[in-house]
All heavy atoms as atom14 arrays in JSON, in Angstrom:
{
  "sequence": "LVTNVLMPLLGTLIGGFDLTEKLNFVLKPEVTDKAGEVIT",
  "atom14_mask": [
    [1, 1, 1, 1, 1, 1, 1, 1, 0, 0, 0, 0, 0, 0],
    [1, 1, 1, 1, 1, 1, 1, 0, 0, 0, 0, 0, 0, 0],
    [1, 1, 1, 1, 1, 1, 1, 0, 0, 0, 0, 0, 0, 0],
    [1, 1, 1, 1, 1, 1, 1, 1, 0, 0, 0, 0, 0, 0],
    [1, 1, 1, 1, 1, 1, 1, 0, 0, 0, 0, 0, 0, 0],
    [1, 1, 1, 1, 1, 1, 1, 1, 0, 0, 0, 0, 0, 0],
    [1, 1, 1, 1, 1, 1, 1, 1, 0, 0, 0, 0, 0, 0],
    [1, 1, 1, 1, 1, 1, 1, 0, 0, 0, 0, 0, 0, 0],
    [1, 1, 1, 1, 1, 1, 1, 1, 0, 0, 0, 0, 0, 0],
    [1, 1, 1, 1, 1, 1, 1, 1, 0, 0, 0, 0, 0, 0],
    [1, 1, 1, 1, 0, 0, 0, 0, 0, 0, 0, 0, 0, 0],
    [1, 1, 1, 1, 1, 1, 1, 0, 0, 0, 0, 0, 0, 0],
    [1, 1, 1, 1, 1, 1, 1, 1, 0, 0, 0, 0, 0, 0],
    [1, 1, 1, 1, 1, 1, 1, 1, 0, 0, 0, 0, 0, 0],
    [1, 1, 1, 1, 0, 0, 0, 0, 0, 0, 0, 0, 0, 0],
    [1, 1, 1, 1, 0, 0, 0, 0, 0, 0, 0, 0, 0, 0],
    [1, 1, 1, 1, 1, 1, 1, 1, 1, 1, 1, 0, 0, 0],
    [1, 1, 1, 1, 1, 1, 1, 1, 0, 0, 0, 0, 0, 0],
    [1, 1, 1, 1, 1, 1, 1, 1, 0, 0, 0, 0, 0, 0],
    [1, 1, 1, 1, 1, 1, 1, 0, 0, 0, 0, 0, 0, 0],
    [1, 1, 1, 1, 1, 1, 1, 1, 1, 0, 0, 0, 0, 0],
    [1, 1, 1, 1, 1, 1, 1, 1, 1, 0, 0, 0, 0, 0],
    [1, 1, 1, 1, 1, 1, 1, 1, 0, 0, 0, 0, 0, 0],
    [1, 1, 1, 1, 1, 1, 1, 1, 0, 0, 0, 0, 0, 0],
    [1, 1, 1, 1, 1, 1, 1, 1, 1, 1, 1, 0, 0, 0],
    [1, 1, 1, 1, 1, 1, 1, 0, 0, 0, 0, 0, 0, 0],
    [1, 1, 1, 1, 1, 1, 1, 1, 0, 0, 0, 0, 0, 0],
    [1, 1, 1, 1, 1, 1, 1, 1, 1, 0, 0, 0, 0, 0],
    [1, 1, 1, 1, 1, 1, 1, 0, 0, 0, 0, 0, 0, 0],
    [1, 1, 1, 1, 1, 1, 1, 1, 1, 0, 0, 0, 0, 0],
    [1, 1, 1, 1, 1, 1, 1, 0, 0, 0, 0, 0, 0, 0],
    [1, 1, 1, 1, 1, 1, 1, 0, 0, 0, 0, 0, 0, 0],
    [1, 1, 1, 1, 1, 1, 1, 1, 0, 0, 0, 0, 0, 0],
    [1, 1, 1, 1, 1, 1, 1, 1, 1, 0, 0, 0, 0, 0],
    [1, 1, 1, 1, 1, 0, 0, 0, 0, 0, 0, 0, 0, 0],
    [1, 1, 1, 1, 0, 0, 0, 0, 0, 0, 0, 0, 0, 0],
    [1, 1, 1, 1, 1, 1, 1, 1, 1, 0, 0, 0, 0, 0],
    [1, 1, 1, 1, 1, 1, 1, 0, 0, 0, 0, 0, 0, 0],
    [1, 1, 1, 1, 1, 1, 1, 1, 0, 0, 0, 0, 0, 0],
    [1, 1, 1, 1, 1, 1, 1, 0, 0, 0, 0, 0, 0, 0]
  ],
  "atom14_positions": [
    [[-3.0, 4.96, 153.81], [-3.51, 3.54, 153.77], [-2.69, 2.69, 154.72], [-3.24, 1.88, 155.53], [-3.26, 2.92, 152.32], [-3.54, 1.53, 152.18], [-5.11, 1.3, 152.37], [-3.12, 1.11, 150.76], [0.0, 0.0, 0.0], [0.0, 0.0, 0.0], [0.0, 0.0, 0.0], [0.0, 0.0, 0.0], [0.0, 0.0, 0.0], [0.0, 0.0, 0.0]],
    [[-1.33, 2.85, 154.72], [-0.48, 2.07, 155.61], [-0.67, 2.43, 157.13], [-0.96, 1.58, 157.96], [0.95, 2.21, 155.25], [1.95, 1.62, 156.32], [1.19, 1.64, 153.9], [0.0, 0.0, 0.0], [0.0, 0.0, 0.0], [0.0, 0.0, 0.0], [0.0, 0.0, 0.0], [0.0, 0.0, 0.0], [0.0, 0.0, 0.0], [0.0, 0.0, 0.0]],
    [[-0.7, 3.71, 157.44], [-0.82, 4.15, 158.78], [-2.18, 3.94, 159.41], [-2.28, 3.5, 160.58], [-0.39, 5.65, 158.84], [0.91, 5.74, 158.36], [-0.44, 6.14, 160.26], [0.0, 0.0, 0.0], [0.0, 0.0, 0.0], [0.0, 0.0, 0.0], [0.0, 0.0, 0.0], [0.0, 0.0, 0.0], [0.0, 0.0, 0.0], [0.0, 0.0, 0.0]],
    [[-3.2, 4.24, 158.65], [-4.52, 4.19, 159.21], [-5.35, 2.96, 159.0], [-6.39, 2.75, 159.54], [-5.34, 5.42, 158.72], [-4.66, 6.69, 159.03], [-4.21, 6.91, 160.11], [-4.62, 7.62, 158.07], [0.0, 0.0, 0.0], [0.0, 0.0, 0.0], [0.0, 0.0, 0.0], [0.0, 0.0, 0.0], [0.0, 0.0, 0.0], [0.0, 0.0, 0.0]],
    [[-4.89, 2.12, 158.08], [-5.64, 0.88, 157.7], [-4.79, -0.32, 157.97], [-5.2, -1.25, 158.74], [-6.2, 0.89, 156.28], [-6.91, -0.36, 155.92], [-6.99, 2.14, 156.0], [0.0, 0.0, 0.0], [0.0, 0.0, 0.0], [0.0, 0.0, 0.0], [0.0, 0.0, 0.0], [0.0, 0.0, 0.0], [0.0, 0.0, 0.0], [0.0, 0.0, 0.0]],
    [[-3.74, -0.48, 157.36], [-2.89, -1.72, 157.35], [-2.26, -1.92, 158.67], [-2.24, -2.95, 159.26], [-1.91, -1.73, 156.15], [-2.51, -1.72, 154.74], [-1.45, -1.79, 153.72], [-3.43, -2.9, 154.55], [0.0, 0.0, 0.0], [0.0, 0.0, 0.0], [0.0, 0.0, 0.0], [0.0, 0.0, 0.0], [0.0, 0.0, 0.0], [0.0, 0.0, 0.0]],
    [[-1.54, -0.88, 159.17], [-0.84, -1.07, 160.47], [-1.75, -1.4, 161.54], [-1.4, -2.33, 162.44], [0.0, 0.18, 160.76], [1.23, 0.26, 159.88], [2.25, -1.19, 159.75], [3.18, -1.05, 161.16], [0.0, 0.0, 0.0], [0.0, 0.0, 0.0], [0.0, 0.0, 0.0], [0.0, 0.0, 0.0], [0.0, 0.0, 0.0], [0.0, 0.0, 0.0]],
    [[-2.93, -0.72, 161.83], [-3.83, -1.16, 162.82], [-4.31, -2.62, 162.7], [-4.44, -3.35, 163.63], [-5.02, -0.19, 162.7], [-4.41, 1.09, 162.14], [-3.37, 0.47, 161.21], [0.0, 0.0, 0.0], [0.0, 0.0, 0.0], [0.0, 0.0, 0.0], [0.0, 0.0, 0.0], [0.0, 0.0, 0.0], [0.0, 0.0, 0.0], [0.0, 0.0, 0.0]],
    [[-4.52, -3.04, 161.38], [-4.89, -4.44, 161.21], [-3.79, -5.34, 161.59], [-4.01, -6.31, 162.24], [-5.25, -4.6, 159.75], [-6.63, -4.01, 159.22], [-6.78, -4.16, 157.76], [-7.78, -4.65, 159.98], [0.0, 0.0, 0.0], [0.0, 0.0, 0.0], [0.0, 0.0, 0.0], [0.0, 0.0, 0.0], [0.0, 0.0, 0.0], [0.0, 0.0, 0.0]],
    [[-2.61, -5.01, 161.21], [-1.47, -5.79, 161.61], [-1.25, -5.87, 163.12], [-0.96, -6.93, 163.71], [-0.16, -5.28, 160.92], [1.15, -6.11, 161.1], [1.03, -7.44, 160.6], [2.38, -5.33, 160.63], [0.0, 0.0, 0.0], [0.0, 0.0, 0.0], [0.0, 0.0, 0.0], [0.0, 0.0, 0.0], [0.0, 0.0, 0.0], [0.0, 0.0, 0.0]],
    [[-1.39, -4.69, 163.79], [-1.35, -4.7, 165.2], [-2.38, -5.47, 165.94], [-2.12, -6.2, 166.87], [0.0, 0.0, 0.0], [0.0, 0.0, 0.0], [0.0, 0.0, 0.0], [0.0, 0.0, 0.0], [0.0, 0.0, 0.0], [0.0, 0.0, 0.0], [0.0, 0.0, 0.0], [0.0, 0.0, 0.0], [0.0, 0.0, 0.0], [0.0, 0.0, 0.0]],
    [[-3.54, -5.58, 165.31], [-4.59, -6.31, 165.87], [-4.38, -7.85, 165.69], [-4.52, -8.75, 166.51], [-5.91, -6.04, 165.29], [-6.31, -4.64, 165.48], [-7.16, -6.89, 165.82], [0.0, 0.0, 0.0], [0.0, 0.0, 0.0], [0.0, 0.0, 0.0], [0.0, 0.0, 0.0], [0.0, 0.0, 0.0], [0.0, 0.0, 0.0], [0.0, 0.0, 0.0]],
    [[-3.82, -8.21, 164.54], [-3.47, -9.63, 164.22], [-2.41, -10.14, 165.07], [-2.43, -11.35, 165.47], [-3.13, -9.8, 162.69], [-4.19, -9.52, 161.72], [-3.66, -9.6, 160.3], [-5.3, -10.66, 161.91], [0.0, 0.0, 0.0], [0.0, 0.0, 0.0], [0.0, 0.0, 0.0], [0.0, 0.0, 0.0], [0.0, 0.0, 0.0], [0.0, 0.0, 0.0]],
    [[-1.41, -9.29, 165.46], [-0.35, -9.87, 166.28], [-0.55, -9.43, 167.82], [0.32, -9.5, 168.51], [0.97, -9.26, 165.82], [1.12, -7.73, 165.84], [1.33, -9.74, 164.46], [2.46, -7.17, 165.49], [0.0, 0.0, 0.0], [0.0, 0.0, 0.0], [0.0, 0.0, 0.0], [0.0, 0.0, 0.0], [0.0, 0.0, 0.0], [0.0, 0.0, 0.0]],
    [[-1.83, -9.16, 168.11], [-2.23, -9.01, 169.49], [-1.81, -7.66, 170.07], [-1.49, -7.6, 171.26], [0.0, 0.0, 0.0], [0.0, 0.0, 0.0], [0.0, 0.0, 0.0], [0.0, 0.0, 0.0], [0.0, 0.0, 0.0], [0.0, 0.0, 0.0], [0.0, 0.0, 0.0], [0.0, 0.0, 0.0], [0.0, 0.0, 0.0], [0.0, 0.0, 0.0]],
    [[-1.9, -6.67, 169.32], [-1.76, -5.3, 169.82], [-0.25, -5.0, 170.19], [0.03, -4.04, 170.77], [0.0, 0.0, 0.0], [0.0, 0.0, 0.0], [0.0, 0.0, 0.0], [0.0, 0.0, 0.0], [0.0, 0.0, 0.0], [0.0, 0.0, 0.0], [0.0, 0.0, 0.0], [0.0, 0.0, 0.0], [0.0, 0.0, 0.0], [0.0, 0.0, 0.0]],
    [[0.67, -5.76, 169.61], [2.09, -5.55, 169.86], [2.59, -4.31, 168.99], [2.47, -4.28, 167.81], [2.84, -6.75, 169.32], [4.31, -6.76, 169.64], [4.74, -7.1, 170.95], [5.21, -6.45, 168.64], [6.09, -7.09, 171.28], [6.62, -6.45, 168.97], [7.07, -6.81, 170.29], [0.0, 0.0, 0.0], [0.0, 0.0, 0.0], [0.0, 0.0, 0.0]],
    [[3.09, -3.31, 169.75], [3.54, -2.11, 169.1], [5.05, -2.11, 169.14], [5.67, -2.0, 170.18], [2.98, -0.9, 169.84], [3.32, 0.46, 169.11], [3.91, 0.45, 168.07], [2.97, 1.47, 169.77], [0.0, 0.0, 0.0], [0.0, 0.0, 0.0], [0.0, 0.0, 0.0], [0.0, 0.0, 0.0], [0.0, 0.0, 0.0], [0.0, 0.0, 0.0]],
    [[5.58, -2.1, 167.91], [7.08, -2.23, 167.82], [7.78, -1.03, 168.4], [8.74, -1.13, 169.04], [7.47, -2.3, 166.34], [7.04, -3.6, 165.55], [7.42, -3.5, 164.09], [7.75, -4.79, 166.18], [0.0, 0.0, 0.0], [0.0, 0.0, 0.0], [0.0, 0.0, 0.0], [0.0, 0.0, 0.0], [0.0, 0.0, 0.0], [0.0, 0.0, 0.0]],
    [[7.1, 0.17, 168.26], [7.78, 1.4, 168.71], [7.79, 1.46, 170.23], [8.7, 2.08, 170.78], [7.05, 2.6, 168.19], [5.69, 2.61, 168.6], [7.1, 2.74, 166.65], [0.0, 0.0, 0.0], [0.0, 0.0, 0.0], [0.0, 0.0, 0.0], [0.0, 0.0, 0.0], [0.0, 0.0, 0.0], [0.0, 0.0, 0.0], [0.0, 0.0, 0.0]],
    [[6.85, 0.86, 170.93], [6.85, 0.71, 172.34], [7.72, -0.32, 172.95], [8.42, -0.23, 173.88], [5.44, 0.53, 172.93], [4.58, 1.8, 172.66], [3.17, 1.55, 173.25], [2.96, 0.63, 174.05], [2.28, 2.36, 172.95], [0.0, 0.0, 0.0], [0.0, 0.0, 0.0], [0.0, 0.0, 0.0], [0.0, 0.0, 0.0], [0.0, 0.0, 0.0]],
    [[7.72, -1.54, 172.33], [8.39, -2.74, 172.7], [9.85, -2.76, 172.41], [10.65, -3.33, 173.2], [7.68, -4.01, 172.31], [6.2, -4.08, 172.6], [6.05, -4.22, 174.12], [4.51, -4.4, 174.37], [4.23, -4.5, 175.75], [0.0, 0.0, 0.0], [0.0, 0.0, 0.0], [0.0, 0.0, 0.0], [0.0, 0.0, 0.0], [0.0, 0.0, 0.0]],
    [[10.27, -2.19, 171.28], [11.62, -2.47, 170.83], [12.45, -1.22, 170.75], [13.55, -1.18, 170.24], [11.67, -3.1, 169.38], [11.1, -4.51, 169.37], [11.07, -5.02, 167.88], [11.84, -5.48, 170.16], [0.0, 0.0, 0.0], [0.0, 0.0, 0.0], [0.0, 0.0, 0.0], [0.0, 0.0, 0.0], [0.0, 0.0, 0.0], [0.0, 0.0, 0.0]],
    [[11.92, -0.1, 171.33], [12.71, 1.13, 171.45], [13.34, 1.1, 172.85], [12.67, 0.86, 173.82], [11.88, 2.35, 171.33], [11.5, 2.69, 169.87], [12.06, 2.11, 169.01], [10.84, 3.74, 169.6], [0.0, 0.0, 0.0], [0.0, 0.0, 0.0], [0.0, 0.0, 0.0], [0.0, 0.0, 0.0], [0.0, 0.0, 0.0], [0.0, 0.0, 0.0]],
    [[14.66, 1.32, 172.97], [15.29, 1.29, 174.26], [15.8, 2.67, 174.58], [16.44, 3.33, 173.86], [16.56, 0.26, 174.15], [16.2, -1.06, 173.67], [16.43, -1.44, 172.38], [15.57, -1.99, 174.54], [16.04, -2.77, 172.0], [15.23, -3.25, 174.14], [15.45, -3.6, 172.88], [0.0, 0.0, 0.0], [0.0, 0.0, 0.0], [0.0, 0.0, 0.0]],
    [[15.51, 2.97, 175.91], [15.93, 4.27, 176.39], [17.35, 4.09, 176.88], [17.61, 3.34, 177.84], [14.99, 4.7, 177.6], [15.49, 6.04, 178.16], [13.58, 4.85, 177.05], [0.0, 0.0, 0.0], [0.0, 0.0, 0.0], [0.0, 0.0, 0.0], [0.0, 0.0, 0.0], [0.0, 0.0, 0.0], [0.0, 0.0, 0.0], [0.0, 0.0, 0.0]],
    [[18.25, 4.82, 176.35], [19.66, 4.71, 176.69], [19.94, 5.73, 177.87], [20.71, 5.41, 178.77], [20.6, 5.1, 175.59], [20.52, 4.1, 174.37], [21.44, 4.66, 173.21], [20.99, 2.76, 174.71], [0.0, 0.0, 0.0], [0.0, 0.0, 0.0], [0.0, 0.0, 0.0], [0.0, 0.0, 0.0], [0.0, 0.0, 0.0], [0.0, 0.0, 0.0]],
    [[19.22, 6.84, 177.77], [19.5, 7.89, 178.8], [18.1, 8.55, 179.04], [17.57, 9.17, 178.07], [20.49, 8.95, 178.41], [20.82, 10.0, 179.46], [21.85, 10.87, 178.85], [21.99, 12.07, 179.8], [22.84, 13.1, 179.21], [0.0, 0.0, 0.0], [0.0, 0.0, 0.0], [0.0, 0.0, 0.0], [0.0, 0.0, 0.0], [0.0, 0.0, 0.0]],
    [[17.45, 8.48, 180.17], [16.2, 9.03, 180.47], [16.29, 10.58, 180.42], [17.33, 11.14, 180.69], [15.68, 8.58, 181.79], [16.97, 8.15, 182.48], [17.96, 7.71, 181.38], [0.0, 0.0, 0.0], [0.0, 0.0, 0.0], [0.0, 0.0, 0.0], [0.0, 0.0, 0.0], [0.0, 0.0, 0.0], [0.0, 0.0, 0.0], [0.0, 0.0, 0.0]],
    [[15.18, 11.24, 180.22], [15.15, 12.69, 180.18], [15.3, 13.21, 181.62], [14.85, 12.59, 182.61], [13.86, 13.27, 179.53], [12.71, 13.18, 180.37], [11.43, 13.8, 179.64], [11.51, 14.21, 178.54], [10.4, 13.9, 180.3], [0.0, 0.0, 0.0], [0.0, 0.0, 0.0], [0.0, 0.0, 0.0], [0.0, 0.0, 0.0], [0.0, 0.0, 0.0]],
    [[16.0, 14.32, 181.71], [16.14, 14.92, 183.12], [15.37, 16.21, 183.11], [15.44, 17.04, 182.23], [17.71, 15.27, 183.28], [17.95, 15.94, 184.62], [18.56, 13.98, 183.13], [0.0, 0.0, 0.0], [0.0, 0.0, 0.0], [0.0, 0.0, 0.0], [0.0, 0.0, 0.0], [0.0, 0.0, 0.0], [0.0, 0.0, 0.0], [0.0, 0.0, 0.0]],
    [[14.55, 16.28, 184.18], [13.75, 17.51, 184.38], [14.1, 18.15, 185.73], [14.54, 17.52, 186.61], [12.22, 17.1, 184.44], [12.0, 16.13, 185.41], [11.79, 16.58, 183.06], [0.0, 0.0, 0.0], [0.0, 0.0, 0.0], [0.0, 0.0, 0.0], [0.0, 0.0, 0.0], [0.0, 0.0, 0.0], [0.0, 0.0, 0.0], [0.0, 0.0, 0.0]],
    [[13.78, 19.45, 185.72], [14.04, 20.1, 187.04], [12.73, 20.05, 187.86], [11.77, 19.35, 187.49], [14.41, 21.63, 186.8], [13.31, 22.42, 186.09], [12.23, 21.9, 185.93], [13.68, 23.51, 185.56], [0.0, 0.0, 0.0], [0.0, 0.0, 0.0], [0.0, 0.0, 0.0], [0.0, 0.0, 0.0], [0.0, 0.0, 0.0], [0.0, 0.0, 0.0]],
    [[12.74, 20.67, 189.07], [11.57, 20.59, 189.97], [10.3, 21.1, 189.4], [9.21, 20.75, 189.76], [11.99, 21.28, 191.29], [12.93, 20.61, 192.11], [13.21, 21.17, 193.38], [14.34, 20.49, 194.15], [14.67, 21.02, 195.45], [0.0, 0.0, 0.0], [0.0, 0.0, 0.0], [0.0, 0.0, 0.0], [0.0, 0.0, 0.0], [0.0, 0.0, 0.0]],
    [[10.49, 22.12, 188.45], [9.33, 22.65, 187.89], [8.72, 21.87, 186.72], [7.73, 22.2, 186.12], [9.63, 24.06, 187.26], [0.0, 0.0, 0.0], [0.0, 0.0, 0.0], [0.0, 0.0, 0.0], [0.0, 0.0, 0.0], [0.0, 0.0, 0.0], [0.0, 0.0, 0.0], [0.0, 0.0, 0.0], [0.0, 0.0, 0.0], [0.0, 0.0, 0.0]],
    [[9.38, 20.7, 186.34], [8.94, 19.88, 185.23], [9.52, 20.27, 183.92], [9.18, 19.78, 182.91], [0.0, 0.0, 0.0], [0.0, 0.0, 0.0], [0.0, 0.0, 0.0], [0.0, 0.0, 0.0], [0.0, 0.0, 0.0], [0.0, 0.0, 0.0], [0.0, 0.0, 0.0], [0.0, 0.0, 0.0], [0.0, 0.0, 0.0], [0.0, 0.0, 0.0]],
    [[10.44, 21.34, 183.87], [11.0, 21.65, 182.61], [12.14, 20.7, 182.26], [12.97, 20.19, 183.12], [11.61, 23.01, 182.77], [10.7, 24.22, 183.13], [9.87, 24.58, 181.93], [10.37, 24.52, 180.74], [8.65, 24.77, 182.06], [0.0, 0.0, 0.0], [0.0, 0.0, 0.0], [0.0, 0.0, 0.0], [0.0, 0.0, 0.0], [0.0, 0.0, 0.0]],
    [[12.1, 20.25, 181.0], [13.14, 19.3, 180.58], [14.51, 19.99, 180.4], [14.66, 21.01, 179.7], [12.75, 18.77, 179.13], [13.8, 17.8, 178.62], [11.42, 18.02, 179.24], [0.0, 0.0, 0.0], [0.0, 0.0, 0.0], [0.0, 0.0, 0.0], [0.0, 0.0, 0.0], [0.0, 0.0, 0.0], [0.0, 0.0, 0.0], [0.0, 0.0, 0.0]],
    [[15.46, 19.44, 181.11], [16.91, 19.9, 181.08], [17.61, 19.2, 180.02], [18.25, 19.86, 179.11], [17.59, 19.68, 182.42], [16.78, 20.41, 183.55], [18.97, 20.08, 182.37], [17.32, 20.25, 184.93], [0.0, 0.0, 0.0], [0.0, 0.0, 0.0], [0.0, 0.0, 0.0], [0.0, 0.0, 0.0], [0.0, 0.0, 0.0], [0.0, 0.0, 0.0]],
    [[17.56, 17.84, 179.91], [18.2, 17.19, 178.85], [17.13, 16.2, 178.39], [16.52, 15.44, 179.18], [19.44, 16.43, 179.32], [19.15, 15.47, 180.29], [20.54, 17.38, 179.68], [0.0, 0.0, 0.0], [0.0, 0.0, 0.0], [0.0, 0.0, 0.0], [0.0, 0.0, 0.0], [0.0, 0.0, 0.0], [0.0, 0.0, 0.0], [0.0, 0.0, 0.0]]
  ]
}
């Protein structure tokens, strides 16, 4: 109910603002090698 009904409604009401995208801060980006494999 919360994930599939209430949160999308809340997101629509506040203009599509996604807390997980806007307020998560990357302290250290992932490191990949030339082949695209994640090193860290």
